[in-house]
Amino acid sequence: MNSDTIKDLLIFVAALDLSDAKSAKKQLDIAFPFESEQVQRWGELMRAGVADGSLCDNGKAPMQYSRIFKNSEETHNLSCDAVLMDGAGPNHIHPQGEVDLCFAVDGEPRFDGNEPGWTVYAAGSQHIPTVKGGRMLILYLLPDGAFEFVKG
């Protein structure tokens, strides 16, 4: 998986107004339905990457991760990470927002209470990312690669 694989998504997300997370999610649901062949193919590629060790090869349970690509002009200033989760991650802030595409791996997982599919966090939002009820494989897109860990 690389930036060419999700080029259409990168162009779309770069144009989204992430100050309104609800509207951005709705637009993603319309443009890239979770059940679509295209989105499910991305999930298959991510699962294959986990299986062959090219994705989520850092960290340990409950959170394994990898950087798929850094933000650049070619990626429309979006960075992309893959995360395999079955618990809580570190508290952080999204200065410019965050777009997540969540795939169930086992069980009936929920990411911050959300079912598999799109989750969007508005610019300036903060959370402790948490998967409950199973395990999820998550594609994270961050404008300018921007996030800040919260200490304490």
N, C-alpha and C. Protein backbone atom coordinates (compact mmCIF):
# COMPACT_ATOMS: atom_id res chain seq x y z
N MET A 1 0.85 -1.18 0.00
CA MET A 1 0.00 0.00 0.00
C MET A 1 0.90 1.24 0.00
N ASN A 2 0.53 2.21 -0.83
CA ASN A 2 1.28 3.46 -0.90
C ASN A 2 0.34 4.60 -1.30
N SER A 3 0.89 5.79 -1.48
CA SER A 3 0.05 6.95 -1.77
C SER A 3 -0.68 6.81 -3.11
N ASP A 4 -0.09 6.11 -4.07
CA ASP A 4 -0.77 5.91 -5.36
C ASP A 4 -2.04 5.08 -5.19
N THR A 5 -2.01 4.14 -4.26
CA THR A 5 -3.16 3.26 -4.02
C THR A 5 -4.40 4.05 -3.62
N ILE A 6 -4.19 5.12 -2.85
CA ILE A 6 -5.32 5.91 -2.33
C ILE A 6 -5.30 7.35 -2.84
N LYS A 7 -4.75 7.54 -4.03
CA LYS A 7 -4.59 8.89 -4.58
C LYS A 7 -5.92 9.66 -4.62
N ASP A 8 -6.99 9.01 -5.09
CA ASP A 8 -8.30 9.68 -5.15
C ASP A 8 -8.77 10.11 -3.76
N LEU A 9 -8.52 9.27 -2.77
CA LEU A 9 -8.90 9.60 -1.40
C LEU A 9 -8.09 10.79 -0.89
N LEU A 10 -6.81 10.82 -1.17
CA LEU A 10 -5.97 11.93 -0.72
C LEU A 10 -6.44 13.26 -1.28
N ILE A 11 -6.76 13.27 -2.56
CA ILE A 11 -7.25 14.50 -3.20
C ILE A 11 -8.55 14.94 -2.52
N PHE A 12 -9.44 13.98 -2.26
CA PHE A 12 -10.73 14.29 -1.65
C PHE A 12 -10.56 14.82 -0.22
N VAL A 13 -9.77 14.12 0.58
CA VAL A 13 -9.59 14.51 1.98
C VAL A 13 -8.90 15.87 2.09
N ALA A 14 -7.95 16.13 1.21
CA ALA A 14 -7.25 17.42 1.24
C ALA A 14 -8.21 18.59 1.03
N ALA A 15 -9.31 18.34 0.32
CA ALA A 15 -10.28 19.41 0.04
C ALA A 15 -11.39 19.50 1.10
N LEU A 16 -11.45 18.53 2.02
CA LEU A 16 -12.51 18.54 3.04
C LEU A 16 -12.30 19.65 4.06
N ASP A 17 -13.39 20.19 4.55
CA ASP A 17 -13.35 21.14 5.66
C ASP A 17 -13.44 20.34 6.95
N LEU A 18 -12.31 20.15 7.61
CA LEU A 18 -12.28 19.33 8.82
C LEU A 18 -12.66 20.11 10.07
N SER A 19 -13.13 21.34 9.90
CA SER A 19 -13.65 22.06 11.07
C SER A 19 -15.03 21.53 11.44
N ASP A 20 -15.68 20.84 10.49
CA ASP A 20 -17.00 20.25 10.71
C ASP A 20 -16.90 18.74 10.48
N ALA A 21 -16.57 18.00 11.54
CA ALA A 21 -16.32 16.57 11.43
C ALA A 21 -17.54 15.80 10.93
N LYS A 22 -18.71 16.17 11.39
CA LYS A 22 -19.94 15.47 11.00
C LYS A 22 -20.18 15.60 9.49
N SER A 23 -20.03 16.79 8.96
CA SER A 23 -20.21 17.02 7.53
C SER A 23 -19.13 16.30 6.72
N ALA A 24 -17.89 16.34 7.20
CA ALA A 24 -16.79 15.67 6.50
C ALA A 24 -17.04 14.16 6.43
N LYS A 25 -17.50 13.57 7.54
CA LYS A 25 -17.80 12.13 7.54
C LYS A 25 -18.90 11.82 6.54
N LYS A 26 -19.93 12.63 6.52
CA LYS A 26 -21.04 12.43 5.59
C LYS A 26 -20.54 12.46 4.14
N GLN A 27 -19.68 13.40 3.84
CA GLN A 27 -19.13 13.51 2.49
C GLN A 27 -18.28 12.28 2.14
N LEU A 28 -17.50 11.79 3.10
CA LEU A 28 -16.71 10.58 2.87
C LEU A 28 -17.61 9.37 2.65
N ASP A 29 -18.67 9.26 3.45
CA ASP A 29 -19.61 8.14 3.29
C ASP A 29 -20.23 8.12 1.90
N ILE A 30 -20.47 9.30 1.33
CA ILE A 30 -21.07 9.39 0.00
C ILE A 30 -20.03 9.10 -1.09
N ALA A 31 -18.87 9.73 -0.99
CA ALA A 31 -17.84 9.60 -2.03
C ALA A 31 -17.13 8.25 -2.00
N PHE A 32 -16.93 7.71 -0.80
CA PHE A 32 -16.20 6.45 -0.63
C PHE A 32 -16.96 5.56 0.35
N PRO A 33 -18.09 4.99 -0.09
CA PRO A 33 -18.89 4.15 0.82
C PRO A 33 -18.04 3.00 1.38
N PHE A 34 -18.19 2.76 2.67
CA PHE A 34 -17.40 1.71 3.32
C PHE A 34 -17.60 0.36 2.64
N GLU A 35 -18.80 0.07 2.18
CA GLU A 35 -19.10 -1.23 1.58
C GLU A 35 -18.61 -1.34 0.14
N SER A 36 -18.11 -0.25 -0.43
CA SER A 36 -17.71 -0.25 -1.85
C SER A 36 -16.51 -1.16 -2.08
N GLU A 37 -16.41 -1.63 -3.31
CA GLU A 37 -15.29 -2.49 -3.70
C GLU A 37 -13.95 -1.79 -3.48
N GLN A 38 -13.90 -0.50 -3.81
CA GLN A 38 -12.66 0.26 -3.67
C GLN A 38 -12.20 0.32 -2.21
N VAL A 39 -13.08 0.68 -1.31
CA VAL A 39 -12.71 0.80 0.11
C VAL A 39 -12.37 -0.58 0.68
N GLN A 40 -13.14 -1.59 0.34
CA GLN A 40 -12.85 -2.93 0.84
C GLN A 40 -11.51 -3.44 0.31
N ARG A 41 -11.15 -3.05 -0.90
CA ARG A 41 -9.85 -3.42 -1.46
C ARG A 41 -8.72 -2.79 -0.63
N TRP A 42 -8.91 -1.55 -0.21
CA TRP A 42 -7.90 -0.93 0.65
C TRP A 42 -7.73 -1.73 1.94
N GLY A 43 -8.84 -2.19 2.50
CA GLY A 43 -8.78 -3.02 3.70
C GLY A 43 -8.03 -4.32 3.45
N GLU A 44 -8.27 -4.94 2.30
CA GLU A 44 -7.56 -6.18 1.95
C GLU A 44 -6.06 -5.93 1.84
N LEU A 45 -5.69 -4.81 1.21
CA LEU A 45 -4.27 -4.48 1.07
C LEU A 45 -3.63 -4.24 2.44
N MET A 46 -4.36 -3.60 3.33
CA MET A 46 -3.84 -3.37 4.68
C MET A 46 -3.67 -4.69 5.42
N ARG A 47 -4.66 -5.56 5.33
CA ARG A 47 -4.55 -6.87 6.01
C ARG A 47 -3.36 -7.66 5.46
N ALA A 48 -3.17 -7.61 4.15
CA ALA A 48 -2.03 -8.30 3.53
C ALA A 48 -0.72 -7.72 4.05
N GLY A 49 -0.67 -6.40 4.22
CA GLY A 49 0.53 -5.76 4.76
C GLY A 49 0.83 -6.19 6.18
N VAL A 50 -0.20 -6.33 6.99
CA VAL A 50 0.00 -6.82 8.36
C VAL A 50 0.51 -8.26 8.31
N ALA A 51 -0.10 -9.08 7.45
CA ALA A 51 0.28 -10.49 7.35
C ALA A 51 1.72 -10.67 6.89
N ASP A 52 2.18 -9.81 5.96
CA ASP A 52 3.55 -9.98 5.46
C ASP A 52 4.58 -9.16 6.24
N GLY A 53 4.12 -8.46 7.27
CA GLY A 53 5.03 -7.72 8.13
C GLY A 53 5.43 -6.34 7.64
N SER A 54 4.82 -5.87 6.55
CA SER A 54 5.17 -4.55 6.04
C SER A 54 4.34 -3.43 6.68
N LEU A 55 3.25 -3.77 7.37
CA LEU A 55 2.43 -2.79 8.08
C LEU A 55 2.29 -3.19 9.54
N CYS A 56 2.20 -2.18 10.39
CA CYS A 56 1.98 -2.38 11.83
C CYS A 56 3.08 -3.23 12.45
N ASP A 57 4.31 -2.95 12.04
CA ASP A 57 5.46 -3.72 12.52
C ASP A 57 6.20 -3.02 13.67
N ASN A 58 5.64 -1.94 14.18
CA ASN A 58 6.20 -1.24 15.35
C ASN A 58 5.23 -1.34 16.51
N GLY A 59 5.76 -1.23 17.72
CA GLY A 59 4.91 -1.27 18.90
C GLY A 59 4.51 -2.68 19.26
N LYS A 60 3.58 -2.77 20.20
CA LYS A 60 3.06 -4.06 20.64
C LYS A 60 1.63 -3.84 21.11
N ALA A 61 0.90 -4.93 21.28
CA ALA A 61 -0.49 -4.83 21.71
C ALA A 61 -0.56 -3.97 22.97
N PRO A 62 -1.54 -3.13 23.08
CA PRO A 62 -2.77 -3.06 22.28
C PRO A 62 -2.67 -2.18 21.04
N MET A 63 -1.44 -1.70 20.69
CA MET A 63 -1.34 -0.79 19.55
C MET A 63 -0.04 -1.03 18.79
N GLN A 64 -0.19 -1.58 17.59
CA GLN A 64 0.94 -1.74 16.68
C GLN A 64 0.71 -0.78 15.51
N TYR A 65 1.78 -0.22 14.98
CA TYR A 65 1.60 0.85 14.01
C TYR A 65 2.75 0.90 13.00
N SER A 66 2.53 1.64 11.94
CA SER A 66 3.59 1.95 10.98
C SER A 66 3.19 3.18 10.18
N ARG A 67 4.18 3.90 9.73
CA ARG A 67 3.97 5.05 8.86
C ARG A 67 3.96 4.51 7.43
N ILE A 68 2.86 4.74 6.71
CA ILE A 68 2.78 4.33 5.31
C ILE A 68 3.49 5.36 4.45
N PHE A 69 3.22 6.64 4.71
CA PHE A 69 3.97 7.71 4.05
C PHE A 69 3.85 9.01 4.84
N LYS A 70 4.88 9.84 4.70
CA LYS A 70 4.89 11.16 5.32
C LYS A 70 4.12 12.14 4.45
N ASN A 71 3.71 13.24 5.05
CA ASN A 71 3.04 14.27 4.26
C ASN A 71 4.05 14.92 3.31
N SER A 72 3.57 15.20 2.11
CA SER A 72 4.39 15.84 1.09
C SER A 72 3.45 16.47 0.06
N GLU A 73 4.03 17.19 -0.86
CA GLU A 73 3.22 17.77 -1.93
C GLU A 73 2.52 16.65 -2.71
N GLU A 74 3.23 15.56 -2.95
CA GLU A 74 2.69 14.43 -3.70
C GLU A 74 1.47 13.80 -3.00
N THR A 75 1.46 13.85 -1.67
CA THR A 75 0.35 13.25 -0.90
C THR A 75 -0.68 14.29 -0.47
N HIS A 76 -0.63 15.45 -1.12
CA HIS A 76 -1.56 16.54 -0.81
C HIS A 76 -1.45 16.96 0.65
N ASN A 77 -0.21 16.90 1.16
CA ASN A 77 0.13 17.29 2.53
C ASN A 77 -0.54 16.43 3.60
N LEU A 78 -0.91 15.21 3.24
CA LEU A 78 -1.48 14.28 4.22
C LEU A 78 -0.45 13.20 4.54
N SER A 79 -0.28 12.91 5.83
CA SER A 79 0.50 11.74 6.22
C SER A 79 -0.47 10.59 6.40
N CYS A 80 0.07 9.38 6.36
CA CYS A 80 -0.78 8.19 6.47
C CYS A 80 -0.10 7.16 7.36
N ASP A 81 -0.84 6.69 8.35
CA ASP A 81 -0.36 5.65 9.26
C ASP A 81 -1.35 4.50 9.28
N ALA A 82 -0.84 3.31 9.54
CA ALA A 82 -1.68 2.14 9.77
C ALA A 82 -1.52 1.75 11.23
N VAL A 83 -2.63 1.45 11.88
CA VAL A 83 -2.60 1.07 13.30
C VAL A 83 -3.50 -0.14 13.51
N LEU A 84 -2.97 -1.13 14.20
CA LEU A 84 -3.72 -2.32 14.59
C LEU A 84 -3.95 -2.19 16.09
N MET A 85 -5.23 -2.08 16.50
CA MET A 85 -5.55 -1.77 17.90
C MET A 85 -6.59 -2.71 18.49
N ASP A 86 -6.43 -2.99 19.78
CA ASP A 86 -7.47 -3.68 20.53
C ASP A 86 -7.54 -3.14 21.96
N GLY A 87 -7.20 -1.88 22.11
CA GLY A 87 -7.22 -1.23 23.41
C GLY A 87 -7.08 0.27 23.23
N ALA A 88 -6.43 0.91 24.19
CA ALA A 88 -6.28 2.37 24.16
C ALA A 88 -4.89 2.77 23.69
N GLY A 89 -4.85 3.90 22.98
CA GLY A 89 -3.60 4.50 22.55
C GLY A 89 -3.33 5.76 23.34
N PRO A 90 -2.35 6.55 22.91
CA PRO A 90 -1.98 7.75 23.65
C PRO A 90 -2.91 8.93 23.40
N ASN A 91 -3.14 9.70 24.43
CA ASN A 91 -3.95 10.92 24.36
C ASN A 91 -3.24 11.90 23.42
N HIS A 92 -3.99 12.45 22.47
CA HIS A 92 -3.39 13.41 21.55
C HIS A 92 -4.41 14.40 21.00
N ILE A 93 -3.87 15.47 20.43
CA ILE A 93 -4.66 16.54 19.83
C ILE A 93 -4.44 16.52 18.32
N HIS A 94 -5.49 16.84 17.58
CA HIS A 94 -5.41 16.95 16.12
C HIS A 94 -5.49 18.43 15.75
N PRO A 95 -4.38 19.12 15.62
CA PRO A 95 -4.43 20.56 15.33
C PRO A 95 -5.21 20.88 14.05
N GLN A 96 -5.14 19.98 13.06
CA GLN A 96 -5.81 20.23 11.79
C GLN A 96 -6.86 19.18 11.46
N GLY A 97 -7.16 18.30 12.40
CA GLY A 97 -8.15 17.26 12.19
C GLY A 97 -7.51 15.91 11.89
N GLU A 98 -8.36 14.90 11.79
CA GLU A 98 -7.90 13.53 11.53
C GLU A 98 -9.03 12.79 10.82
N VAL A 99 -8.66 12.00 9.82
CA VAL A 99 -9.62 11.16 9.09
C VAL A 99 -9.16 9.72 9.24
N ASP A 100 -10.06 8.85 9.72
CA ASP A 100 -9.73 7.45 9.97
C ASP A 100 -10.66 6.53 9.19
N LEU A 101 -10.09 5.49 8.64
CA LEU A 101 -10.86 4.44 7.97
C LEU A 101 -10.61 3.16 8.75
N CYS A 102 -11.65 2.64 9.40
CA CYS A 102 -11.53 1.56 10.36
C CYS A 102 -12.11 0.25 9.82
N PHE A 103 -11.31 -0.81 9.89
CA PHE A 103 -11.73 -2.14 9.46
C PHE A 103 -11.70 -3.10 10.65
N ALA A 104 -12.76 -3.88 10.82
CA ALA A 104 -12.78 -4.90 11.87
C ALA A 104 -11.83 -6.03 11.48
N VAL A 105 -11.06 -6.49 12.46
CA VAL A 105 -10.18 -7.63 12.25
C VAL A 105 -10.77 -8.85 12.93
N ASP A 106 -11.20 -8.68 14.17
CA ASP A 106 -11.91 -9.75 14.87
C ASP A 106 -12.83 -9.17 15.92
N GLY A 107 -13.81 -9.96 16.31
CA GLY A 107 -14.81 -9.51 17.26
C GLY A 107 -15.77 -8.52 16.62
N GLU A 108 -16.35 -7.68 17.46
CA GLU A 108 -17.25 -6.61 17.00
C GLU A 108 -16.70 -5.28 17.52
N PRO A 109 -15.55 -4.87 16.99
CA PRO A 109 -14.86 -3.71 17.54
C PRO A 109 -15.54 -2.39 17.24
N ARG A 110 -15.30 -1.45 18.14
CA ARG A 110 -15.75 -0.07 17.98
C ARG A 110 -14.55 0.82 18.28
N PHE A 111 -14.32 1.80 17.41
CA PHE A 111 -13.26 2.77 17.60
C PHE A 111 -13.87 4.02 18.19
N ASP A 112 -13.54 4.30 19.43
CA ASP A 112 -14.16 5.42 20.15
C ASP A 112 -15.68 5.36 20.05
N GLY A 113 -16.21 4.14 20.10
CA GLY A 113 -17.66 3.94 20.04
C GLY A 113 -18.23 3.83 18.63
N ASN A 114 -17.40 4.04 17.61
CA ASN A 114 -17.86 4.03 16.22
C ASN A 114 -17.65 2.67 15.56
N GLU A 115 -18.62 2.26 14.77
CA GLU A 115 -18.53 1.02 14.01
C GLU A 115 -17.46 1.14 12.93
N PRO A 116 -17.05 0.01 12.34
CA PRO A 116 -16.12 0.08 11.21
C PRO A 116 -16.65 1.04 10.14
N GLY A 117 -15.72 1.73 9.51
CA GLY A 117 -16.06 2.73 8.50
C GLY A 117 -15.28 4.00 8.77
N TRP A 118 -15.83 5.11 8.35
CA TRP A 118 -15.16 6.41 8.49
C TRP A 118 -15.40 7.03 9.86
N THR A 119 -14.35 7.59 10.43
CA THR A 119 -14.43 8.40 11.64
C THR A 119 -13.62 9.66 11.37
N VAL A 120 -14.18 10.80 11.70
CA VAL A 120 -13.50 12.08 11.46
C VAL A 120 -13.46 12.88 12.75
N TYR A 121 -12.29 13.45 13.03
CA TYR A 121 -12.12 14.33 14.19
C TYR A 121 -11.82 15.73 13.67
N ALA A 122 -12.50 16.71 14.22
CA ALA A 122 -12.36 18.10 13.79
C ALA A 122 -11.00 18.67 14.18
N ALA A 123 -10.61 19.69 13.46
CA ALA A 123 -9.40 20.43 13.80
C ALA A 123 -9.51 20.91 15.25
N GLY A 124 -8.44 20.70 16.02
CA GLY A 124 -8.41 21.11 17.41
C GLY A 124 -8.97 20.10 18.38
N SER A 125 -9.48 18.97 17.89
CA SER A 125 -10.06 17.96 18.78
C SER A 125 -8.97 17.17 19.50
N GLN A 126 -9.38 16.51 20.57
CA GLN A 126 -8.47 15.71 21.39
C GLN A 126 -9.17 14.43 21.80
N HIS A 127 -8.42 13.32 21.85
CA HIS A 127 -9.01 12.07 22.33
C HIS A 127 -7.93 11.08 22.73
N ILE A 128 -8.37 10.06 23.44
CA ILE A 128 -7.56 8.88 23.71
C ILE A 128 -8.15 7.80 22.81
N PRO A 129 -7.51 7.51 21.67
CA PRO A 129 -8.09 6.55 20.73
C PRO A 129 -8.22 5.18 21.40
N THR A 130 -9.42 4.62 21.33
CA THR A 130 -9.68 3.36 22.03
C THR A 130 -10.53 2.43 21.18
N VAL A 131 -10.08 1.19 21.07
CA VAL A 131 -10.87 0.15 20.42
C VAL A 131 -11.34 -0.81 21.50
N LYS A 132 -12.65 -1.07 21.51
CA LYS A 132 -13.25 -2.03 22.44
C LYS A 132 -14.06 -3.03 21.65
N GLY A 133 -14.17 -4.25 22.18
CA GLY A 133 -15.02 -5.27 21.57
C GLY A 133 -14.36 -6.11 20.50
N GLY A 134 -13.07 -5.94 20.31
CA GLY A 134 -12.36 -6.69 19.28
C GLY A 134 -11.11 -5.95 18.85
N ARG A 135 -10.71 -6.20 17.63
CA ARG A 135 -9.49 -5.58 17.10
C ARG A 135 -9.80 -4.91 15.77
N MET A 136 -9.19 -3.74 15.55
CA MET A 136 -9.40 -2.98 14.32
C MET A 136 -8.07 -2.65 13.67
N LEU A 137 -8.13 -2.56 12.36
CA LEU A 137 -7.02 -2.08 11.54
C LEU A 137 -7.46 -0.73 11.00
N ILE A 138 -6.71 0.31 11.31
CA ILE A 138 -7.14 1.68 11.04
C ILE A 138 -6.13 2.41 10.16
N LEU A 139 -6.65 3.06 9.13
CA LEU A 139 -5.87 3.94 8.27
C LEU A 139 -6.08 5.36 8.77
N TYR A 140 -5.02 6.02 9.20
CA TYR A 140 -5.09 7.39 9.73
C TYR A 140 -4.53 8.36 8.70
N LEU A 141 -5.28 9.41 8.40
CA LEU A 141 -4.79 10.50 7.55
C LEU A 141 -4.76 11.78 8.37
N LEU A 142 -3.61 12.45 8.37
CA LEU A 142 -3.43 13.68 9.15
C LEU A 142 -2.95 14.81 8.24
N PRO A 143 -3.70 15.91 8.14
CA PRO A 143 -3.23 17.06 7.38
C PRO A 143 -1.90 17.57 7.95
N ASP A 144 -0.93 17.74 7.07
CA ASP A 144 0.42 18.18 7.45
C ASP A 144 1.08 17.23 8.45
N GLY A 145 0.53 16.03 8.62
CA GLY A 145 1.09 15.08 9.58
C GLY A 145 1.00 15.58 11.01
N ALA A 146 0.09 16.52 11.25
CA ALA A 146 0.06 17.23 12.53
C ALA A 146 -0.75 16.51 13.61
N PHE A 147 -0.08 16.21 14.71
CA PHE A 147 -0.74 15.76 15.94
C PHE A 147 0.20 16.07 17.08
N GLU A 148 -0.36 16.20 18.26
CA GLU A 148 0.44 16.53 19.45
C GLU A 148 0.03 15.61 20.58
N PHE A 149 1.01 14.92 21.16
CA PHE A 149 0.73 14.09 22.32
C PHE A 149 0.44 14.98 23.52
N VAL A 150 -0.49 14.54 24.36
CA VAL A 150 -0.83 15.25 25.59
C VAL A 150 -0.13 14.53 26.73
N LYS A 151 0.68 15.24 27.47
CA LYS A 151 1.40 14.63 28.58
C LYS A 151 0.56 14.65 29.84
N GLY A 152 0.79 13.62 30.66
CA GLY A 152 0.11 13.59 31.95
C GLY A 152 -1.07 12.83 31.91
